[in-house]
Amino acid sequence: MPPAVAVVVAIVVYALLPSSVQLTNRLIIPAVELLLLVALIVTNPRRMTRETRWSRWLSIGLATIVILANLGSLGMLVSEVSSTNGNHLLVAAMQTWVTNVIGFALLYWELDRGGPVARRREDRSDIPAADWRFSQDENDGAVVEVKKTSSKSADWIPIFVDYAYVSLTNSSAFSPTDTMPLTSRAKVLMGIQATAALLTSLVLVAFAVGSLGQ
């Protein structure tokens, strides 16, 4: 399942961060994330067809831990830029950026329209209001070949890949691209993500400038 694979990648990337930009012992946060992931898979192996209230909140908590741990590492990384000149900072910045994309993709996937199970099982009139508007949500009035894949004509629903794309483009452009946030929480989350991505990019720029001066 793509979300589970994304969590594993985030765990590995965090565990490989330099110790100087980790909040705790190298294995503590990855171990907590892994335990949460195993608990979700064992108790609910068919995650896309059924869920309980606690399992959904556990999934949201897992994504939040990934994001908060990464933001903490980003803060430590920024504080080291002026005092350290090492290749590990360049690698750490890239790792932080990747984890930023994964963490927010997971959170967007869990929050939008009641979560993945509600989007698959519930009638459109019964699911919670959308947090994001995808291009497929407004393509019903387009030409025939485009209209065929619209939400209304094809009953299209976003999957994890769609949220990963939103997260990737927001971290790259520091703003929404073709998918617009509709709710306050969506705008806040995308703002936090874009700011974190911008800070990471500034670390990379600082490293590049420092290398030129050597």
C-alpha atoms as a PDB file:
ATOM      1  CA  MET A   1       0.000   0.000   0.000  1.00  0.00           C
ATOM      2  CA  PRO A   2       1.572   3.342  -1.057  1.00  0.00           C
ATOM      3  CA  PRO A   3       0.883   5.175   2.251  1.00  0.00           C
ATOM      4  CA  ALA A   4       2.557   2.403   4.264  1.00  0.00           C
ATOM      5  CA  VAL A   5       5.552   2.468   1.926  1.00  0.00           C
ATOM      6  CA  ALA A   6       5.728   6.259   2.311  1.00  0.00           C
ATOM      7  CA  VAL A   7       5.788   5.911   6.116  1.00  0.00           C
ATOM      8  CA  VAL A   8       8.603   3.356   5.920  1.00  0.00           C
ATOM      9  CA  VAL A   9      10.606   5.681   3.668  1.00  0.00           C
ATOM     10  CA  ALA A  10      10.074   8.573   6.107  1.00  0.00           C
ATOM     11  CA  ILE A  11      11.217   6.380   9.017  1.00  0.00           C
ATOM     12  CA  VAL A  12      14.379   5.308   7.202  1.00  0.00           C
ATOM     13  CA  VAL A  13      15.194   8.830   6.035  1.00  0.00           C
ATOM     14  CA  TYR A  14      14.799  10.220   9.563  1.00  0.00           C
ATOM     15  CA  ALA A  15      16.919   7.445  11.075  1.00  0.00           C
ATOM     16  CA  LEU A  16      19.720   8.300   8.624  1.00  0.00           C
ATOM     17  CA  LEU A  17      19.777  12.001   9.536  1.00  0.00           C
ATOM     18  CA  PRO A  18      22.994  13.244  11.166  1.00  0.00           C
ATOM     19  CA  SER A  19      22.745  12.963  14.958  1.00  0.00           C
ATOM     20  CA  SER A  20      23.324  16.711  15.289  1.00  0.00           C
ATOM     21  CA  VAL A  21      19.893  17.460  13.784  1.00  0.00           C
ATOM     22  CA  GLN A  22      17.894  14.749  15.551  1.00  0.00           C
ATOM     23  CA  LEU A  23      15.676  15.641  18.486  1.00  0.00           C
ATOM     24  CA  THR A  24      16.368  12.465  20.475  1.00  0.00           C
ATOM     25  CA  ASN A  25      18.281   9.237  20.219  1.00  0.00           C
ATOM     26  CA  ARG A  26      18.468   8.107  16.589  1.00  0.00           C
ATOM     27  CA  LEU A  27      16.066   5.211  17.050  1.00  0.00           C
ATOM     28  CA  ILE A  28      13.409   6.601  19.405  1.00  0.00           C
ATOM     29  CA  ILE A  29      11.204   8.498  16.953  1.00  0.00           C
ATOM     30  CA  PRO A  30      11.566   5.896  14.160  1.00  0.00           C
ATOM     31  CA  ALA A  31      10.669   3.184  16.687  1.00  0.00           C
ATOM     32  CA  VAL A  32       7.530   5.055  17.779  1.00  0.00           C
ATOM     33  CA  GLU A  33       6.514   5.609  14.152  1.00  0.00           C
ATOM     34  CA  LEU A  34       7.147   1.946  13.316  1.00  0.00           C
ATOM     35  CA  LEU A  35       5.086   0.742  16.290  1.00  0.00           C
ATOM     36  CA  LEU A  36       2.173   2.949  15.247  1.00  0.00           C
ATOM     37  CA  LEU A  37       2.416   1.694  11.676  1.00  0.00           C
ATOM     38  CA  VAL A  38       2.504  -1.960  12.749  1.00  0.00           C
ATOM     39  CA  ALA A  39      -0.467  -1.393  15.071  1.00  0.00           C
ATOM     40  CA  LEU A  40      -2.481   0.084  12.212  1.00  0.00           C
ATOM     41  CA  ILE A  41      -1.644  -2.717   9.800  1.00  0.00           C
ATOM     42  CA  VAL A  42      -2.242  -5.540  12.301  1.00  0.00           C
ATOM     43  CA  THR A  43      -5.523  -4.217  13.683  1.00  0.00           C
ATOM     44  CA  ASN A  44      -6.901  -3.071  10.358  1.00  0.00           C
ATOM     45  CA  PRO A  45      -5.189  -4.772   7.391  1.00  0.00           C
ATOM     46  CA  ARG A  46      -7.974  -3.685   5.019  1.00  0.00           C
ATOM     47  CA  ARG A  47      -7.390   0.019   5.674  1.00  0.00           C
ATOM     48  CA  MET A  48      -9.181   1.170   2.530  1.00  0.00           C
ATOM     49  CA  THR A  49     -12.481  -0.586   3.247  1.00  0.00           C
ATOM     50  CA  ARG A  50     -13.094  -0.197   6.959  1.00  0.00           C
ATOM     51  CA  GLU A  51     -11.837   1.764   9.942  1.00  0.00           C
ATOM     52  CA  THR A  52     -12.638   2.671  13.520  1.00  0.00           C
ATOM     53  CA  ARG A  53     -12.580   6.119  15.040  1.00  0.00           C
ATOM     54  CA  TRP A  54      -9.394   5.340  16.993  1.00  0.00           C
ATOM     55  CA  SER A  55      -7.608   3.841  13.970  1.00  0.00           C
ATOM     56  CA  ARG A  56      -8.193   6.986  11.940  1.00  0.00           C
ATOM     57  CA  TRP A  57      -6.941   9.218  14.738  1.00  0.00           C
ATOM     58  CA  LEU A  58      -3.936   6.923  15.124  1.00  0.00           C
ATOM     59  CA  SER A  59      -3.170   7.388  11.429  1.00  0.00           C
ATOM     60  CA  ILE A  60      -3.470  11.162  11.754  1.00  0.00           C
ATOM     61  CA  GLY A  61      -1.232  11.002  14.828  1.00  0.00           C
ATOM     62  CA  LEU A  62       1.371   9.020  12.895  1.00  0.00           C
ATOM     63  CA  ALA A  63       1.476  11.632  10.129  1.00  0.00           C
ATOM     64  CA  THR A  64       1.671  14.394  12.737  1.00  0.00           C
ATOM     65  CA  ILE A  65       4.633  12.744  14.479  1.00  0.00           C
ATOM     66  CA  VAL A  66       6.455  12.486  11.149  1.00  0.00           C
ATOM     67  CA  ILE A  67       5.838  16.190  10.483  1.00  0.00           C
ATOM     68  CA  LEU A  68       6.697  17.468  13.969  1.00  0.00           C
ATOM     69  CA  ALA A  69       9.888  15.407  14.214  1.00  0.00           C
ATOM     70  CA  ASN A  70      10.934  16.695  10.811  1.00  0.00           C
ATOM     71  CA  LEU A  71      10.156  20.316  11.717  1.00  0.00           C
ATOM     72  CA  GLY A  72      12.265  19.906  14.848  1.00  0.00           C
ATOM     73  CA  SER A  73      15.149  18.578  12.776  1.00  0.00           C
ATOM     74  CA  LEU A  74      14.720  21.476  10.360  1.00  0.00           C
ATOM     75  CA  GLY A  75      14.989  23.951  13.228  1.00  0.00           C
ATOM     76  CA  MET A  76      18.214  22.326  14.417  1.00  0.00           C
ATOM     77  CA  LEU A  77      19.504  22.266  10.859  1.00  0.00           C
ATOM     78  CA  VAL A  78      18.894  25.990  10.408  1.00  0.00           C
ATOM     79  CA  SER A  79      20.683  26.736  13.690  1.00  0.00           C
ATOM     80  CA  GLU A  80      23.754  24.840  12.477  1.00  0.00           C
ATOM     81  CA  VAL A  81      24.144  26.617   9.159  1.00  0.00           C
ATOM     82  CA  SER A  82      26.193  29.507  10.524  1.00  0.00           C
ATOM     83  CA  SER A  83      28.404  27.366  12.738  1.00  0.00           C
ATOM     84  CA  THR A  84      29.100  24.292  10.628  1.00  0.00           C
ATOM     85  CA  ASN A  85      30.452  23.814   7.152  1.00  0.00           C
ATOM     86  CA  GLY A  86      30.001  20.174   6.295  1.00  0.00           C
ATOM     87  CA  ASN A  87      28.593  18.018   3.547  1.00  0.00           C
ATOM     88  CA  HIS A  88      26.294  16.400   6.099  1.00  0.00           C
ATOM     89  CA  LEU A  89      24.236  19.601   6.169  1.00  0.00           C
ATOM     90  CA  LEU A  90      23.569  19.344   2.454  1.00  0.00           C
ATOM     91  CA  VAL A  91      22.447  15.719   2.754  1.00  0.00           C
ATOM     92  CA  ALA A  92      20.386  16.493   5.869  1.00  0.00           C
ATOM     93  CA  ALA A  93      18.583  19.331   4.081  1.00  0.00           C
ATOM     94  CA  MET A  94      17.644  17.013   1.235  1.00  0.00           C
ATOM     95  CA  GLN A  95      16.452  14.354   3.700  1.00  0.00           C
ATOM     96  CA  THR A  96      14.376  16.938   5.549  1.00  0.00           C
ATOM     97  CA  TRP A  97      12.765  18.116   2.315  1.00  0.00           C
ATOM     98  CA  VAL A  98      11.807  14.566   1.319  1.00  0.00           C
ATOM     99  CA  THR A  99      10.324  13.860   4.746  1.00  0.00           C
ATOM    100  CA  ASN A 100       8.408  17.127   4.572  1.00  0.00           C
ATOM    101  CA  VAL A 101       6.756  15.967   1.342  1.00  0.00           C
ATOM    102  CA  ILE A 102       5.904  12.532   2.743  1.00  0.00           C
ATOM    103  CA  GLY A 103       4.570  13.730   6.097  1.00  0.00           C
ATOM    104  CA  PHE A 104       2.206  16.317   4.681  1.00  0.00           C
ATOM    105  CA  ALA A 105       1.072  13.976   1.898  1.00  0.00           C
ATOM    106  CA  LEU A 106       0.007  11.469   4.567  1.00  0.00           C
ATOM    107  CA  LEU A 107      -1.798  14.133   6.571  1.00  0.00           C
ATOM    108  CA  TYR A 108      -3.627  15.563   3.556  1.00  0.00           C
ATOM    109  CA  TRP A 109      -4.668  12.031   2.550  1.00  0.00           C
ATOM    110  CA  GLU A 110      -6.065  11.353   6.022  1.00  0.00           C
ATOM    111  CA  LEU A 111      -7.915  14.652   6.470  1.00  0.00           C
ATOM    112  CA  ASP A 112      -9.566  15.445   3.143  1.00  0.00           C
ATOM    113  CA  ARG A 113     -13.280  14.557   2.822  1.00  0.00           C
ATOM    114  CA  GLY A 114     -13.329  12.380   5.922  1.00  0.00           C
ATOM    115  CA  GLY A 115     -10.320  10.247   5.042  1.00  0.00           C
ATOM    116  CA  PRO A 116      -9.612   7.443   2.548  1.00  0.00           C
ATOM    117  CA  VAL A 117     -12.303   5.051   3.788  1.00  0.00           C
ATOM    118  CA  ALA A 118     -15.078   7.661   3.722  1.00  0.00           C
ATOM    119  CA  ARG A 119     -14.046   8.741   0.226  1.00  0.00           C
ATOM    120  CA  ARG A 120     -14.296   5.168  -1.038  1.00  0.00           C
ATOM    121  CA  ARG A 121     -17.384   3.946   0.796  1.00  0.00           C
ATOM    122  CA  GLU A 122     -19.707   6.875   1.366  1.00  0.00           C
ATOM    123  CA  ASP A 123     -21.976   8.554  -1.119  1.00  0.00           C
ATOM    124  CA  ARG A 124     -20.710  11.977  -2.171  1.00  0.00           C
ATOM    125  CA  SER A 125     -23.636  13.667  -0.439  1.00  0.00           C
ATOM    126  CA  ASP A 126     -22.648  12.016   2.869  1.00  0.00           C
ATOM    127  CA  ILE A 127     -18.891  12.605   3.048  1.00  0.00           C
ATOM    128  CA  PRO A 128     -17.553  15.683   4.885  1.00  0.00           C
ATOM    129  CA  ALA A 129     -16.796  18.877   2.990  1.00  0.00           C
ATOM    130  CA  ALA A 130     -13.649  18.828   0.854  1.00  0.00           C
ATOM    131  CA  ASP A 131     -10.456  20.460   2.117  1.00  0.00           C
ATOM    132  CA  TRP A 132      -8.940  20.565  -1.380  1.00  0.00           C
ATOM    133  CA  ARG A 133     -10.381  21.116  -4.846  1.00  0.00           C
ATOM    134  CA  PHE A 134      -8.660  19.037  -7.507  1.00  0.00           C
ATOM    135  CA  SER A 135      -8.768  19.810 -11.214  1.00  0.00           C
ATOM    136  CA  GLN A 136     -11.010  16.752 -11.751  1.00  0.00           C
ATOM    137  CA  ASP A 137     -13.591  18.394  -9.493  1.00  0.00           C
ATOM    138  CA  GLU A 138     -14.164  21.163 -12.014  1.00  0.00           C
ATOM    139  CA  ASN A 139     -13.610  19.433 -15.365  1.00  0.00           C
ATOM    140  CA  ASP A 140     -17.184  18.340 -15.995  1.00  0.00           C
ATOM    141  CA  GLY A 141     -17.768  21.277 -18.302  1.00  0.00           C
ATOM    142  CA  ALA A 142     -14.627  20.663 -20.359  1.00  0.00           C
ATOM    143  CA  VAL A 143     -14.293  18.911 -23.723  1.00  0.00           C
ATOM    144  CA  VAL A 144     -15.421  15.289 -23.914  1.00  0.00           C
ATOM    145  CA  GLU A 145     -12.040  13.611 -23.536  1.00  0.00           C
ATOM    146  CA  VAL A 146     -11.279  15.676 -20.428  1.00  0.00           C
ATOM    147  CA  LYS A 147     -14.790  15.405 -19.019  1.00  0.00           C
ATOM    148  CA  LYS A 148     -14.530  11.609 -19.043  1.00  0.00           C
ATOM    149  CA  THR A 149     -12.199  11.660 -16.016  1.00  0.00           C
ATOM    150  CA  SER A 150     -14.008  14.347 -14.007  1.00  0.00           C
ATOM    151  CA  SER A 151     -15.372  13.727 -10.523  1.00  0.00           C
ATOM    152  CA  LYS A 152     -18.956  14.049 -11.690  1.00  0.00           C
ATOM    153  CA  SER A 153     -18.776  11.995 -14.874  1.00  0.00           C
ATOM    154  CA  ALA A 154     -16.393   9.232 -13.757  1.00  0.00           C
ATOM    155  CA  ASP A 155     -17.095   9.360  -9.991  1.00  0.00           C
ATOM    156  CA  TRP A 156     -13.403  10.125  -9.565  1.00  0.00           C
ATOM    157  CA  ILE A 157     -11.978  10.318  -6.044  1.00  0.00           C
ATOM    158  CA  PRO A 158      -8.449  11.338  -5.023  1.00  0.00           C
ATOM    159  CA  ILE A 159      -6.054   8.614  -3.893  1.00  0.00           C
ATOM    160  CA  PHE A 160      -2.721   8.837  -2.067  1.00  0.00           C
ATOM    161  CA  VAL A 161      -0.780   9.633  -5.242  1.00  0.00           C
ATOM    162  CA  ASP A 162      -2.914  12.738  -5.747  1.00  0.00           C
ATOM    163  CA  TYR A 163      -2.116  14.030  -2.261  1.00  0.00           C
ATOM    164  CA  ALA A 164       1.559  13.171  -2.716  1.00  0.00           C
ATOM    165  CA  TYR A 165       1.529  15.311  -5.864  1.00  0.00           C
ATOM    166  CA  VAL A 166      -0.118  18.198  -3.977  1.00  0.00           C
ATOM    167  CA  SER A 167       2.517  17.920  -1.262  1.00  0.00           C
ATOM    168  CA  LEU A 168       5.363  17.711  -3.766  1.00  0.00           C
ATOM    169  CA  THR A 169       4.263  20.747  -5.753  1.00  0.00           C
ATOM    170  CA  ASN A 170       3.582  22.784  -2.610  1.00  0.00           C
ATOM    171  CA  SER A 171       7.096  22.002  -1.346  1.00  0.00           C
ATOM    172  CA  SER A 172       8.576  22.888  -4.728  1.00  0.00           C
ATOM    173  CA  ALA A 173       6.619  26.050  -5.593  1.00  0.00           C
ATOM    174  CA  PHE A 174       5.948  27.182  -1.982  1.00  0.00           C
ATOM    175  CA  SER A 175       2.293  27.648  -2.966  1.00  0.00           C
ATOM    176  CA  PRO A 176      -0.662  25.702  -4.395  1.00  0.00           C
ATOM    177  CA  THR A 177      -0.463  24.857  -8.086  1.00  0.00           C
ATOM    178  CA  ASP A 178      -3.464  23.126  -9.680  1.00  0.00           C
ATOM    179  CA  THR A 179      -5.096  21.980  -6.407  1.00  0.00           C
ATOM    180  CA  MET A 180      -6.593  24.701  -4.222  1.00  0.00           C
ATOM    181  CA  PRO A 181      -7.065  24.596  -0.425  1.00  0.00           C
ATOM    182  CA  LEU A 182     -10.690  25.297   0.532  1.00  0.00           C
ATOM    183  CA  THR A 183     -10.734  25.206   4.330  1.00  0.00           C
ATOM    184  CA  SER A 184      -8.801  27.143   6.943  1.00  0.00           C
ATOM    185  CA  ARG A 185      -6.994  24.039   8.180  1.00  0.00           C
ATOM    186  CA  ALA A 186      -5.905  23.167   4.650  1.00  0.00           C
ATOM    187  CA  LYS A 187      -4.526  26.671   4.146  1.00  0.00           C
ATOM    188  CA  VAL A 188      -2.702  26.590   7.507  1.00  0.00           C
ATOM    189  CA  LEU A 189      -1.152  23.198   6.787  1.00  0.00           C
ATOM    190  CA  MET A 190      -0.050  24.177   3.293  1.00  0.00           C
ATOM    191  CA  GLY A 191       1.375  27.409   4.684  1.00  0.00           C
ATOM    192  CA  ILE A 192       3.405  25.529   7.295  1.00  0.00           C
ATOM    193  CA  GLN A 193       4.634  23.063   4.702  1.00  0.00           C
ATOM    194  CA  ALA A 194       5.616  25.781   2.239  1.00  0.00           C
ATOM    195  CA  THR A 195       7.473  27.680   4.963  1.00  0.00           C
ATOM    196  CA  ALA A 196       9.369  24.549   5.996  1.00  0.00           C
ATOM    197  CA  ALA A 197      10.275  23.834   2.368  1.00  0.00           C
ATOM    198  CA  LEU A 198      11.436  27.436   1.912  1.00  0.00           C
ATOM    199  CA  LEU A 199      13.657  27.225   5.000  1.00  0.00           C
ATOM    200  CA  THR A 200      15.123  23.981   3.717  1.00  0.00           C
ATOM    201  CA  SER A 201      15.868  25.630   0.376  1.00  0.00           C
ATOM    202  CA  LEU A 202      17.549  28.537   2.172  1.00  0.00           C
ATOM    203  CA  VAL A 203      19.787  26.047   3.988  1.00  0.00           C
ATOM    204  CA  LEU A 204      20.810  24.643   0.618  1.00  0.00           C
ATOM    205  CA  VAL A 205      21.471  28.159  -0.724  1.00  0.00           C
ATOM    206  CA  ALA A 206      23.500  29.049   2.363  1.00  0.00           C
ATOM    207  CA  PHE A 207      25.538  25.900   1.929  1.00  0.00           C
ATOM    208  CA  ALA A 208      26.144  26.701  -1.742  1.00  0.00           C
ATOM    209  CA  VAL A 209      27.209  30.282  -0.969  1.00  0.00           C
ATOM    210  CA  GLY A 210      29.482  29.079   1.808  1.00  0.00           C
ATOM    211  CA  SER A 211      31.112  26.582  -0.535  1.00  0.00           C
ATOM    212  CA  LEU A 212      31.803  29.303  -3.107  1.00  0.00           C
ATOM    213  CA  GLY A 213      33.529  31.411  -0.471  1.00  0.00           C
ATOM    214  CA  GLN A 214      35.928  28.659   0.493  1.00  0.00           C
END
